[in-house]
């Protein structure tokens, strides 16, 4: 079974969110009586383990992790906005926000 809908980190986050609202968090899941905290059940934990194994084998859902913007990419973005033919108020605002962001972030990173 290949995971096609979510990564293990997504399921772990959902599990943690659900568990936070359980009235009796410390009570383990009882599969016979169907009571307790279902996020502590063996089947849920086994599913997460299987998904993690599939991710290691590159068989799971592709990662959607973001990477930081590189220096040259940001300069290219700024020059593209400044050279744009549209001189609307919105474009000027976007350019000024990016420039302000550039100055604030680089000052923090340089320290």
PDB file of N, CA and C in Angstrom:
ATOM      1  N   UNK A   1       0.840  -1.181   0.000  1.00  0.00           N
ATOM      2  CA  UNK A   1       0.000   0.000   0.000  1.00  0.00           C
ATOM      3  C   UNK A   1       0.887   1.248   0.000  1.00  0.00           C
ATOM      4  N   UNK A   2       0.739   2.073  -1.029  1.00  0.00           N
ATOM      5  CA  UNK A   2       1.513   3.300  -1.120  1.00  0.00           C
ATOM      6  C   UNK A   2       0.664   4.479  -0.646  1.00  0.00           C
ATOM      7  N   UNK A   3       1.229   5.336   0.190  1.00  0.00           N
ATOM      8  CA  UNK A   3       0.482   6.521   0.616  1.00  0.00           C
ATOM      9  C   UNK A   3       0.366   7.512  -0.543  1.00  0.00           C
ATOM     10  N   UNK A   4      -0.850   7.950  -0.827  1.00  0.00           N
ATOM     11  CA  UNK A   4      -1.055   8.864  -1.952  1.00  0.00           C
ATOM     12  C   UNK A   4      -1.699  10.184  -1.534  1.00  0.00           C
ATOM     13  N   UNK A   5      -2.147  10.293  -0.293  1.00  0.00           N
ATOM     14  CA  UNK A   5      -2.873  11.495   0.113  1.00  0.00           C
ATOM     15  C   UNK A   5      -2.091  12.418   1.039  1.00  0.00           C
ATOM     16  N   UNK A   6      -1.246  11.869   1.909  1.00  0.00           N
ATOM     17  CA  UNK A   6      -0.558  12.720   2.880  1.00  0.00           C
ATOM     18  C   UNK A   6       0.752  12.091   3.312  1.00  0.00           C
ATOM     19  N   UNK A   7       1.643  12.932   3.820  1.00  0.00           N
ATOM     20  CA  UNK A   7       2.910  12.465   4.372  1.00  0.00           C
ATOM     21  C   UNK A   7       2.733  12.148   5.850  1.00  0.00           C
ATOM     22  N   UNK A   8       3.712  11.470   6.414  1.00  0.00           N
ATOM     23  CA  UNK A   8       3.616  11.065   7.822  1.00  0.00           C
ATOM     24  C   UNK A   8       3.562  12.273   8.747  1.00  0.00           C
ATOM     25  N   UNK A   9       4.263  13.343   8.402  1.00  0.00           N
ATOM     26  CA  UNK A   9       4.241  14.537   9.256  1.00  0.00           C
ATOM     27  C   UNK A   9       2.847  15.158   9.298  1.00  0.00           C
ATOM     28  N   UNK A  10       2.117  15.096   8.190  1.00  0.00           N
ATOM     29  CA  UNK A  10       0.751  15.616   8.157  1.00  0.00           C
ATOM     30  C   UNK A  10      -0.160  14.787   9.047  1.00  0.00           C
ATOM     31  N   UNK A  11      -0.006  13.480   8.976  1.00  0.00           N
ATOM     32  CA  UNK A  11      -0.846  12.595   9.787  1.00  0.00           C
ATOM     33  C   UNK A  11      -0.488  12.721  11.263  1.00  0.00           C
ATOM     34  N   UNK A  12       0.805  12.845  11.569  1.00  0.00           N
ATOM     35  CA  UNK A  12       1.212  13.039  12.961  1.00  0.00           C
ATOM     36  C   UNK A  12       0.655  14.340  13.532  1.00  0.00           C
ATOM     37  N   UNK A  13       0.645  15.387  12.721  1.00  0.00           N
ATOM     38  CA  UNK A  13       0.087  16.659  13.174  1.00  0.00           C
ATOM     39  C   UNK A  13      -1.414  16.534  13.419  1.00  0.00           C
ATOM     40  N   UNK A  14      -2.123  15.847  12.533  1.00  0.00           N
ATOM     41  CA  UNK A  14      -3.563  15.639  12.725  1.00  0.00           C
ATOM     42  C   UNK A  14      -3.819  14.790  13.964  1.00  0.00           C
ATOM     43  N   UNK A  15      -2.987  13.788  14.164  1.00  0.00           N
ATOM     44  CA  UNK A  15      -3.121  12.925  15.346  1.00  0.00           C
ATOM     45  C   UNK A  15      -2.924  13.737  16.622  1.00  0.00           C
ATOM     46  N   UNK A  16      -1.906  14.584  16.627  1.00  0.00           N
ATOM     47  CA  UNK A  16      -1.624  15.424  17.791  1.00  0.00           C
ATOM     48  C   UNK A  16      -2.763  16.408  18.042  1.00  0.00           C
ATOM     49  N   UNK A  17      -3.306  16.986  16.980  1.00  0.00           N
ATOM     50  CA  UNK A  17      -4.414  17.935  17.122  1.00  0.00           C
ATOM     51  C   UNK A  17      -5.656  17.264  17.677  1.00  0.00           C
ATOM     52  N   UNK A  18      -5.957  16.073  17.191  1.00  0.00           N
ATOM     53  CA  UNK A  18      -7.115  15.336  17.707  1.00  0.00           C
ATOM     54  C   UNK A  18      -6.915  14.928  19.156  1.00  0.00           C
ATOM     55  N   UNK A  19      -5.723  14.487  19.477  1.00  0.00           N
ATOM     56  CA  UNK A  19      -5.438  14.014  20.823  1.00  0.00           C
ATOM     57  C   UNK A  19      -5.550  15.138  21.843  1.00  0.00           C
ATOM     58  N   UNK A  20      -5.277  16.354  21.427  1.00  0.00           N
ATOM     59  CA  UNK A  20      -5.351  17.489  22.353  1.00  0.00           C
ATOM     60  C   UNK A  20      -6.770  17.728  22.845  1.00  0.00           C
ATOM     61  N   UNK A  21      -7.762  17.349  22.048  1.00  0.00           N
ATOM     62  CA  UNK A  21      -9.153  17.597  22.422  1.00  0.00           C
ATOM     63  C   UNK A  21      -9.855  16.367  22.991  1.00  0.00           C
ATOM     64  N   UNK A  22      -9.117  15.303  23.217  1.00  0.00           N
ATOM     65  CA  UNK A  22      -9.712  14.106  23.802  1.00  0.00           C
ATOM     66  C   UNK A  22      -9.979  14.331  25.286  1.00  0.00           C
ATOM     67  N   UNK A  23     -11.161  13.949  25.763  1.00  0.00           N
ATOM     68  CA  UNK A  23     -11.466  14.180  27.179  1.00  0.00           C
ATOM     69  C   UNK A  23     -10.594  13.352  28.116  1.00  0.00           C
ATOM     70  N   UNK A  24     -10.246  12.138  27.718  1.00  0.00           N
ATOM     71  CA  UNK A  24      -9.407  11.279  28.563  1.00  0.00           C
ATOM     72  C   UNK A  24      -8.172  10.887  27.757  1.00  0.00           C
ATOM     73  N   UNK A  25      -7.197  11.787  27.711  1.00  0.00           N
ATOM     74  CA  UNK A  25      -6.012  11.597  26.873  1.00  0.00           C
ATOM     75  C   UNK A  25      -5.169  10.402  27.297  1.00  0.00           C
ATOM     76  N   UNK A  26      -5.055  10.191  28.587  1.00  0.00           N
ATOM     77  CA  UNK A  26      -4.118   9.182  29.079  1.00  0.00           C
ATOM     78  C   UNK A  26      -4.640   7.752  28.959  1.00  0.00           C
ATOM     79  N   UNK A  27      -5.927   7.597  28.680  1.00  0.00           N
ATOM     80  CA  UNK A  27      -6.504   6.257  28.569  1.00  0.00           C
ATOM     81  C   UNK A  27      -6.169   5.694  27.190  1.00  0.00           C
ATOM     82  N   UNK A  28      -5.498   4.541  27.130  1.00  0.00           N
ATOM     83  CA  UNK A  28      -5.184   3.966  25.812  1.00  0.00           C
ATOM     84  C   UNK A  28      -6.439   3.461  25.097  1.00  0.00           C
ATOM     85  N   UNK A  29      -6.330   3.273  23.802  1.00  0.00           N
ATOM     86  CA  UNK A  29      -7.451   2.810  22.989  1.00  0.00           C
ATOM     87  C   UNK A  29      -7.703   1.329  23.246  1.00  0.00           C
ATOM     88  N   UNK A  30      -8.966   1.000  23.509  1.00  0.00           N
ATOM     89  CA  UNK A  30      -9.377  -0.391  23.705  1.00  0.00           C
ATOM     90  C   UNK A  30     -10.142  -0.822  22.462  1.00  0.00           C
ATOM     91  N   UNK A  31      -9.560  -1.689  21.609  1.00  0.00           N
ATOM     92  CA  UNK A  31     -10.224  -2.065  20.359  1.00  0.00           C
ATOM     93  C   UNK A  31     -11.461  -2.936  20.566  1.00  0.00           C
ATOM     94  N   UNK A  32     -11.568  -3.601  21.690  1.00  0.00           N
ATOM     95  CA  UNK A  32     -12.723  -4.465  21.929  1.00  0.00           C
ATOM     96  C   UNK A  32     -13.941  -3.634  22.319  1.00  0.00           C
ATOM     97  N   UNK A  33     -13.751  -2.742  23.279  1.00  0.00           N
ATOM     98  CA  UNK A  33     -14.881  -1.917  23.726  1.00  0.00           C
ATOM     99  C   UNK A  33     -15.030  -0.635  22.910  1.00  0.00           C
ATOM    100  N   UNK A  34     -14.055  -0.346  22.039  1.00  0.00           N
ATOM    101  CA  UNK A  34     -14.076   0.851  21.194  1.00  0.00           C
ATOM    102  C   UNK A  34     -14.165   2.127  22.030  1.00  0.00           C
ATOM    103  N   UNK A  35     -13.322   2.231  23.029  1.00  0.00           N
ATOM    104  CA  UNK A  35     -13.304   3.447  23.842  1.00  0.00           C
ATOM    105  C   UNK A  35     -11.873   3.767  24.246  1.00  0.00           C
ATOM    106  N   UNK A  36     -11.684   4.989  24.648  1.00  0.00           N
ATOM    107  CA  UNK A  36     -10.359   5.482  24.997  1.00  0.00           C
ATOM    108  C   UNK A  36      -9.915   6.525  23.983  1.00  0.00           C
ATOM    109  N   UNK A  37      -8.637   6.714  23.889  1.00  0.00           N
ATOM    110  CA  UNK A  37      -8.068   7.683  22.964  1.00  0.00           C
ATOM    111  C   UNK A  37      -7.684   6.962  21.669  1.00  0.00           C
ATOM    112  N   UNK A  38      -8.430   7.176  20.570  1.00  0.00           N
ATOM    113  CA  UNK A  38      -8.139   6.449  19.324  1.00  0.00           C
ATOM    114  C   UNK A  38      -6.795   6.818  18.704  1.00  0.00           C
ATOM    115  N   UNK A  39      -6.249   7.962  19.061  1.00  0.00           N
ATOM    116  CA  UNK A  39      -4.948   8.328  18.501  1.00  0.00           C
ATOM    117  C   UNK A  39      -3.815   7.510  19.110  1.00  0.00           C
ATOM    118  N   UNK A  40      -4.101   6.769  20.176  1.00  0.00           N
ATOM    119  CA  UNK A  40      -3.093   5.903  20.794  1.00  0.00           C
ATOM    120  C   UNK A  40      -3.265   4.444  20.375  1.00  0.00           C
ATOM    121  N   UNK A  41      -4.085   4.204  19.379  1.00  0.00           N
ATOM    122  CA  UNK A  41      -4.329   2.820  18.956  1.00  0.00           C
ATOM    123  C   UNK A  41      -3.141   2.276  18.168  1.00  0.00           C
ATOM    124  N   UNK A  42      -3.002   0.965  18.199  1.00  0.00           N
ATOM    125  CA  UNK A  42      -1.907   0.311  17.481  1.00  0.00           C
ATOM    126  C   UNK A  42      -2.054   0.463  15.974  1.00  0.00           C
ATOM    127  N   UNK A  43      -3.282   0.440  15.478  1.00  0.00           N
ATOM    128  CA  UNK A  43      -3.487   0.532  14.027  1.00  0.00           C
ATOM    129  C   UNK A  43      -3.057   1.898  13.485  1.00  0.00           C
ATOM    130  N   UNK A  44      -3.321   2.960  14.235  1.00  0.00           N
ATOM    131  CA  UNK A  44      -2.909   4.301  13.799  1.00  0.00           C
ATOM    132  C   UNK A  44      -1.386   4.398  13.792  1.00  0.00           C
ATOM    133  N   UNK A  45      -0.756   3.903  14.841  1.00  0.00           N
ATOM    134  CA  UNK A  45       0.705   3.963  14.919  1.00  0.00           C
ATOM    135  C   UNK A  45       1.369   3.082  13.863  1.00  0.00           C
ATOM    136  N   UNK A  46       0.783   1.932  13.562  1.00  0.00           N
ATOM    137  CA  UNK A  46       1.326   1.067  12.507  1.00  0.00           C
ATOM    138  C   UNK A  46       1.196   1.733  11.136  1.00  0.00           C
ATOM    139  N   UNK A  47       0.077   2.415  10.907  1.00  0.00           N
ATOM    140  CA  UNK A  47      -0.120   3.127   9.646  1.00  0.00           C
ATOM    141  C   UNK A  47       0.948   4.195   9.464  1.00  0.00           C
ATOM    142  N   UNK A  48       1.228   4.950  10.513  1.00  0.00           N
ATOM    143  CA  UNK A  48       2.245   5.999  10.428  1.00  0.00           C
ATOM    144  C   UNK A  48       3.624   5.391  10.172  1.00  0.00           C
ATOM    145  N   UNK A  49       3.929   4.269  10.793  1.00  0.00           N
ATOM    146  CA  UNK A  49       5.211   3.590  10.551  1.00  0.00           C
ATOM    147  C   UNK A  49       5.332   3.139   9.099  1.00  0.00           C
ATOM    148  N   UNK A  50       4.245   2.589   8.549  1.00  0.00           N
ATOM    149  CA  UNK A  50       4.267   2.146   7.149  1.00  0.00           C
ATOM    150  C   UNK A  50       4.473   3.325   6.203  1.00  0.00           C
ATOM    151  N   UNK A  51       3.837   4.437   6.509  1.00  0.00           N
ATOM    152  CA  UNK A  51       3.987   5.622   5.664  1.00  0.00           C
ATOM    153  C   UNK A  51       5.419   6.140   5.732  1.00  0.00           C
ATOM    154  N   UNK A  52       6.016   6.130   6.923  1.00  0.00           N
ATOM    155  CA  UNK A  52       7.409   6.569   7.052  1.00  0.00           C
ATOM    156  C   UNK A  52       8.350   5.672   6.251  1.00  0.00           C
ATOM    157  N   UNK A  53       8.109   4.371   6.274  1.00  0.00           N
ATOM    158  CA  UNK A  53       8.934   3.451   5.487  1.00  0.00           C
ATOM    159  C   UNK A  53       8.793   3.738   3.998  1.00  0.00           C
ATOM    160  N   UNK A  54       7.573   4.013   3.558  1.00  0.00           N
ATOM    161  CA  UNK A  54       7.345   4.324   2.146  1.00  0.00           C
ATOM    162  C   UNK A  54       8.034   5.631   1.759  1.00  0.00           C
ATOM    163  N   UNK A  55       8.048   6.602   2.658  1.00  0.00           N
ATOM    164  CA  UNK A  55       8.717   7.870   2.367  1.00  0.00           C
ATOM    165  C   UNK A  55      10.221   7.676   2.210  1.00  0.00           C
ATOM    166  N   UNK A  56      10.801   6.828   3.033  1.00  0.00           N
ATOM    167  CA  UNK A  56      12.235   6.556   2.934  1.00  0.00           C
ATOM    168  C   UNK A  56      12.561   5.909   1.591  1.00  0.00           C
ATOM    169  N   UNK A  57      11.658   5.078   1.090  1.00  0.00           N
ATOM    170  CA  UNK A  57      11.853   4.405  -0.201  1.00  0.00           C
ATOM    171  C   UNK A  57      11.437   5.269  -1.389  1.00  0.00           C
ATOM    172  N   UNK A  58      11.044   6.499  -1.123  1.00  0.00           N
ATOM    173  CA  UNK A  58      10.575   7.437  -2.165  1.00  0.00           C
ATOM    174  C   UNK A  58       9.311   6.944  -2.852  1.00  0.00           C
ATOM    175  N   UNK A  59       8.458   6.229  -2.128  1.00  0.00           N
ATOM    176  CA  UNK A  59       7.208   5.714  -2.686  1.00  0.00           C
ATOM    177  C   UNK A  59       6.001   6.510  -2.212  1.00  0.00           C
ATOM    178  N   UNK A  60       6.199   7.442  -1.325  1.00  0.00           N
ATOM    179  CA  UNK A  60       5.076   8.181  -0.749  1.00  0.00           C
ATOM    180  C   UNK A  60       4.752   9.431  -1.533  1.00  0.00           C
ATOM    181  N   UNK A  61       3.978  10.275  -0.910  1.00  0.00           N
ATOM    182  CA  UNK A  61       3.602  11.559  -1.488  1.00  0.00           C
ATOM    183  C   UNK A  61       4.846  12.442  -1.537  1.00  0.00           C
ATOM    184  N   UNK A  62       4.991  13.197  -2.605  1.00  0.00           N
ATOM    185  CA  UNK A  62       6.151  14.077  -2.742  1.00  0.00           C
ATOM    186  C   UNK A  62       6.125  15.161  -1.674  1.00  0.00           C
ATOM    187  N   UNK A  63       7.302  15.520  -1.211  1.00  0.00           N
ATOM    188  CA  UNK A  63       7.415  16.545  -0.179  1.00  0.00           C
ATOM    189  C   UNK A  63       7.069  17.911  -0.764  1.00  0.00           C
ATOM    190  N   UNK A  64       6.373  18.710   0.013  1.00  0.00           N
ATOM    191  CA  UNK A  64       6.052  20.071  -0.419  1.00  0.00           C
ATOM    192  C   UNK A  64       6.771  21.083   0.463  1.00  0.00           C
ATOM    193  N   UNK A  65       7.930  20.685   0.986  1.00  0.00           N
ATOM    194  CA  UNK A  65       8.715  21.573   1.840  1.00  0.00           C
ATOM    195  C   UNK A  65       9.235  22.739   1.006  1.00  0.00           C
ATOM    196  N   UNK A  66       9.257  23.902   1.619  1.00  0.00           N
ATOM    197  CA  UNK A  66       9.719  25.094   0.916  1.00  0.00           C
ATOM    198  C   UNK A  66      11.191  25.320   1.216  1.00  0.00           C
ATOM    199  N   UNK A  67      11.851  25.976   0.300  1.00  0.00           N
ATOM    200  CA  UNK A  67      13.248  26.311   0.517  1.00  0.00           C
ATOM    201  C   UNK A  67      13.369  27.832   0.568  1.00  0.00           C
ATOM    202  N   UNK A  68      14.407  28.341   1.192  1.00  0.00           N
ATOM    203  CA  UNK A  68      14.558  29.793   1.270  1.00  0.00           C
ATOM    204  C   UNK A  68      14.895  30.387  -0.093  1.00  0.00           C
ATOM    205  N   UNK A  69      14.526  31.630  -0.268  1.00  0.00           N
ATOM    206  CA  UNK A  69      14.812  32.351  -1.502  1.00  0.00           C
ATOM    207  C   UNK A  69      16.297  32.702  -1.532  1.00  0.00           C
ATOM    208  N   UNK A  70      16.950  32.421  -2.629  1.00  0.00           N
ATOM    209  CA  UNK A  70      18.382  32.695  -2.754  1.00  0.00           C
ATOM    210  C   UNK A  70      18.605  34.175  -3.054  1.00  0.00           C
ATOM    211  N   UNK A  71      19.824  34.624  -2.835  1.00  0.00           N
ATOM    212  CA  UNK A  71      20.197  36.026  -3.022  1.00  0.00           C
ATOM    213  C   UNK A  71      19.943  36.490  -4.454  1.00  0.00           C
ATOM    214  N   UNK A  72      20.413  35.721  -5.420  1.00  0.00           N
ATOM    215  CA  UNK A  72      20.259  36.122  -6.819  1.00  0.00           C
ATOM    216  C   UNK A  72      18.799  36.062  -7.268  1.00  0.00           C
ATOM    217  N   UNK A  73      18.042  35.128  -6.732  1.00  0.00           N
ATOM    218  CA  UNK A  73      16.616  35.055  -7.065  1.00  0.00           C
ATOM    219  C   UNK A  73      15.886  36.304  -6.582  1.00  0.00           C
ATOM    220  N   UNK A  74      16.213  36.744  -5.379  1.00  0.00           N
ATOM    221  CA  UNK A  74      15.554  37.927  -4.835  1.00  0.00           C
ATOM    222  C   UNK A  74      15.937  39.170  -5.631  1.00  0.00           C
ATOM    223  N   UNK A  75      17.206  39.295  -5.992  1.00  0.00           N
ATOM    224  CA  UNK A  75      17.625  40.440  -6.811  1.00  0.00           C
ATOM    225  C   UNK A  75      16.941  40.420  -8.171  1.00  0.00           C
ATOM    226  N   UNK A  76      16.803  39.244  -8.747  1.00  0.00           N
ATOM    227  CA  UNK A  76      16.111  39.114 -10.028  1.00  0.00           C
ATOM    228  C   UNK A  76      14.648  39.529  -9.900  1.00  0.00           C
ATOM    229  N   UNK A  77      14.021  39.126  -8.816  1.00  0.00           N
ATOM    230  CA  UNK A  77      12.627  39.500  -8.565  1.00  0.00           C
ATOM    231  C   UNK A  77      12.487  41.010  -8.424  1.00  0.00           C
ATOM    232  N   UNK A  78      13.380  41.633  -7.655  1.00  0.00           N
ATOM    233  CA  UNK A  78      13.331  43.085  -7.484  1.00  0.00           C
ATOM    234  C   UNK A  78      13.540  43.815  -8.808  1.00  0.00           C
ATOM    235  N   UNK A  79      14.509  43.384  -9.591  1.00  0.00           N
ATOM    236  CA  UNK A  79      14.760  44.065 -10.869  1.00  0.00           C
ATOM    237  C   UNK A  79      13.604  43.860 -11.842  1.00  0.00           C
ATOM    238  N   UNK A  80      12.980  42.691 -11.827  1.00  0.00           N
ATOM    239  CA  UNK A  80      11.823  42.443 -12.699  1.00  0.00           C
ATOM    240  C   UNK A  80      10.665  43.356 -12.330  1.00  0.00           C
ATOM    241  N   UNK A  81      10.426  43.521 -11.057  1.00  0.00           N
ATOM    242  CA  UNK A  81       9.325  44.390 -10.624  1.00  0.00           C
ATOM    243  C   UNK A  81       9.631  45.842 -10.959  1.00  0.00           C
ATOM    244  N   UNK A  82      10.875  46.272 -10.750  1.00  0.00           N
ATOM    245  CA  UNK A  82      11.233  47.668 -11.024  1.00  0.00           C
ATOM    246  C   UNK A  82      11.185  47.985 -12.517  1.00  0.00           C
ATOM    247  N   UNK A  83      11.507  47.006 -13.360  1.00  0.00           N
ATOM    248  CA  UNK A  83      11.523  47.229 -14.806  1.00  0.00           C
ATOM    249  C   UNK A  83      10.174  46.966 -15.461  1.00  0.00           C
ATOM    250  N   UNK A  84       9.193  46.617 -14.671  1.00  0.00           N
ATOM    251  CA  UNK A  84       7.872  46.313 -15.213  1.00  0.00           C
ATOM    252  C   UNK A  84       7.258  47.552 -15.859  1.00  0.00           C
ATOM    253  N   UNK A  85       6.491  47.326 -16.923  1.00  0.00           N
ATOM    254  CA  UNK A  85       5.832  48.429 -17.619  1.00  0.00           C
ATOM    255  C   UNK A  85       4.622  48.947 -16.852  1.00  0.00           C
ATOM    256  N   UNK A  86       4.081  48.110 -15.988  1.00  0.00           N
ATOM    257  CA  UNK A  86       2.936  48.530 -15.179  1.00  0.00           C
ATOM    258  C   UNK A  86       3.428  49.428 -14.058  1.00  0.00           C
ATOM    259  N   UNK A  87       2.978  50.645 -14.050  1.00  0.00           N
ATOM    260  CA  UNK A  87       3.355  51.574 -12.986  1.00  0.00           C
ATOM    261  C   UNK A  87       2.129  51.919 -12.146  1.00  0.00           C
ATOM    262  N   UNK A  88       1.371  50.913 -11.812  1.00  0.00           N
ATOM    263  CA  UNK A  88       0.175  51.140 -11.008  1.00  0.00           C
ATOM    264  C   UNK A  88       0.571  51.296  -9.542  1.00  0.00           C
ATOM    265  N   UNK A  89      -0.396  51.722  -8.769  1.00  0.00           N
ATOM    266  CA  UNK A  89      -0.164  51.904  -7.336  1.00  0.00           C
ATOM    267  C   UNK A  89       0.169  50.569  -6.663  1.00  0.00           C
ATOM    268  N   UNK A  90      -0.484  49.514  -7.128  1.00  0.00           N
ATOM    269  CA  UNK A  90      -0.235  48.188  -6.552  1.00  0.00           C
ATOM    270  C   UNK A  90       1.194  47.732  -6.828  1.00  0.00           C
ATOM    271  N   UNK A  91       1.682  47.949  -8.043  1.00  0.00           N
ATOM    272  CA  UNK A  91       3.046  47.540  -8.377  1.00  0.00           C
ATOM    273  C   UNK A  91       4.072  48.332  -7.566  1.00  0.00           C
ATOM    274  N   UNK A  92       3.804  49.618  -7.366  1.00  0.00           N
ATOM    275  CA  UNK A  92       4.719  50.422  -6.545  1.00  0.00           C
ATOM    276  C   UNK A  92       4.719  49.939  -5.102  1.00  0.00           C
ATOM    277  N   UNK A  93       3.541  49.568  -4.624  1.00  0.00           N
ATOM    278  CA  UNK A  93       3.439  49.073  -3.255  1.00  0.00           C
ATOM    279  C   UNK A  93       4.190  47.742  -3.112  1.00  0.00           C
ATOM    280  N   UNK A  94       4.027  46.848  -4.084  1.00  0.00           N
ATOM    281  CA  UNK A  94       4.719  45.557  -4.043  1.00  0.00           C
ATOM    282  C   UNK A  94       6.231  45.769  -4.063  1.00  0.00           C
ATOM    283  N   UNK A  95       6.682  46.651  -4.910  1.00  0.00           N
ATOM    284  CA  UNK A  95       8.113  46.931  -5.000  1.00  0.00           C
ATOM    285  C   UNK A  95       8.639  47.500  -3.684  1.00  0.00           C
ATOM    286  N   UNK A  96       7.892  48.415  -3.084  1.00  0.00           N
ATOM    287  CA  UNK A  96       8.356  49.000  -1.823  1.00  0.00           C
ATOM    288  C   UNK A  96       8.330  47.986  -0.681  1.00  0.00           C
ATOM    289  N   UNK A  97       7.340  47.097  -0.675  1.00  0.00           N
ATOM    290  CA  UNK A  97       7.289  46.062   0.365  1.00  0.00           C
ATOM    291  C   UNK A  97       8.469  45.106   0.217  1.00  0.00           C
ATOM    292  N   UNK A  98       8.776  44.687  -1.010  1.00  0.00           N
ATOM    293  CA  UNK A  98       9.920  43.796  -1.224  1.00  0.00           C
ATOM    294  C   UNK A  98      11.231  44.477  -0.833  1.00  0.00           C
ATOM    295  N   UNK A  99      11.355  45.763  -1.165  1.00  0.00           N
ATOM    296  CA  UNK A  99      12.573  46.490  -0.810  1.00  0.00           C
ATOM    297  C   UNK A  99      12.707  46.611   0.704  1.00  0.00           C
ATOM    298  N   UNK A 100      11.614  46.924   1.382  1.00  0.00           N
ATOM    299  CA  UNK A 100      11.639  46.999   2.844  1.00  0.00           C
ATOM    300  C   UNK A 100      11.982  45.639   3.447  1.00  0.00           C
ATOM    301  N   UNK A 101      11.374  44.595   2.908  1.00  0.00           N
ATOM    302  CA  UNK A 101      11.660  43.244   3.385  1.00  0.00           C
ATOM    303  C   UNK A 101      13.141  42.923   3.196  1.00  0.00           C
ATOM    304  N   UNK A 102      13.679  43.308   2.064  1.00  0.00           N
ATOM    305  CA  UNK A 102      15.086  43.063   1.776  1.00  0.00           C
ATOM    306  C   UNK A 102      15.976  43.740   2.816  1.00  0.00           C
ATOM    307  N   UNK A 103      15.685  44.997   3.124  1.00  0.00           N
ATOM    308  CA  UNK A 103      16.516  45.733   4.076  1.00  0.00           C
ATOM    309  C   UNK A 103      16.378  45.192   5.494  1.00  0.00           C
ATOM    310  N   UNK A 104      15.184  44.840   5.890  1.00  0.00           N
ATOM    311  CA  UNK A 104      14.986  44.325   7.247  1.00  0.00           C
ATOM    312  C   UNK A 104      15.620  42.951   7.433  1.00  0.00           C
ATOM    313  N   UNK A 105      15.437  42.071   6.476  1.00  0.00           N
ATOM    314  CA  UNK A 105      15.948  40.709   6.615  1.00  0.00           C
ATOM    315  C   UNK A 105      17.467  40.678   6.509  1.00  0.00           C
ATOM    316  N   UNK A 106      18.043  41.425   5.594  1.00  0.00           N
ATOM    317  CA  UNK A 106      19.495  41.373   5.453  1.00  0.00           C
ATOM    318  C   UNK A 106      20.185  41.972   6.665  1.00  0.00           C
ATOM    319  N   UNK A 107      19.596  42.966   7.276  1.00  0.00           N
ATOM    320  CA  UNK A 107      20.203  43.537   8.479  1.00  0.00           C
ATOM    321  C   UNK A 107      20.208  42.518   9.614  1.00  0.00           C
ATOM    322  N   UNK A 108      19.132  41.762   9.734  1.00  0.00           N
ATOM    323  CA  UNK A 108      19.050  40.754  10.792  1.00  0.00           C
ATOM    324  C   UNK A 108      20.035  39.627  10.519  1.00  0.00           C
ATOM    325  N   UNK A 109      20.131  39.196   9.261  1.00  0.00           N
ATOM    326  CA  UNK A 109      21.011  38.082   8.915  1.00  0.00           C
ATOM    327  C   UNK A 109      22.489  38.448   9.019  1.00  0.00           C
ATOM    328  N   UNK A 110      22.816  39.710   8.828  1.00  0.00           N
ATOM    329  CA  UNK A 110      24.217  40.124   8.842  1.00  0.00           C
ATOM    330  C   UNK A 110      24.791  40.207  10.250  1.00  0.00           C
ATOM    331  N   UNK A 111      23.941  40.308  11.237  1.00  0.00           N
ATOM    332  CA  UNK A 111      24.418  40.472  12.624  1.00  0.00           C
ATOM    333  C   UNK A 111      24.963  39.180  13.155  1.00  0.00           C
TER     334      UNK A 111
END
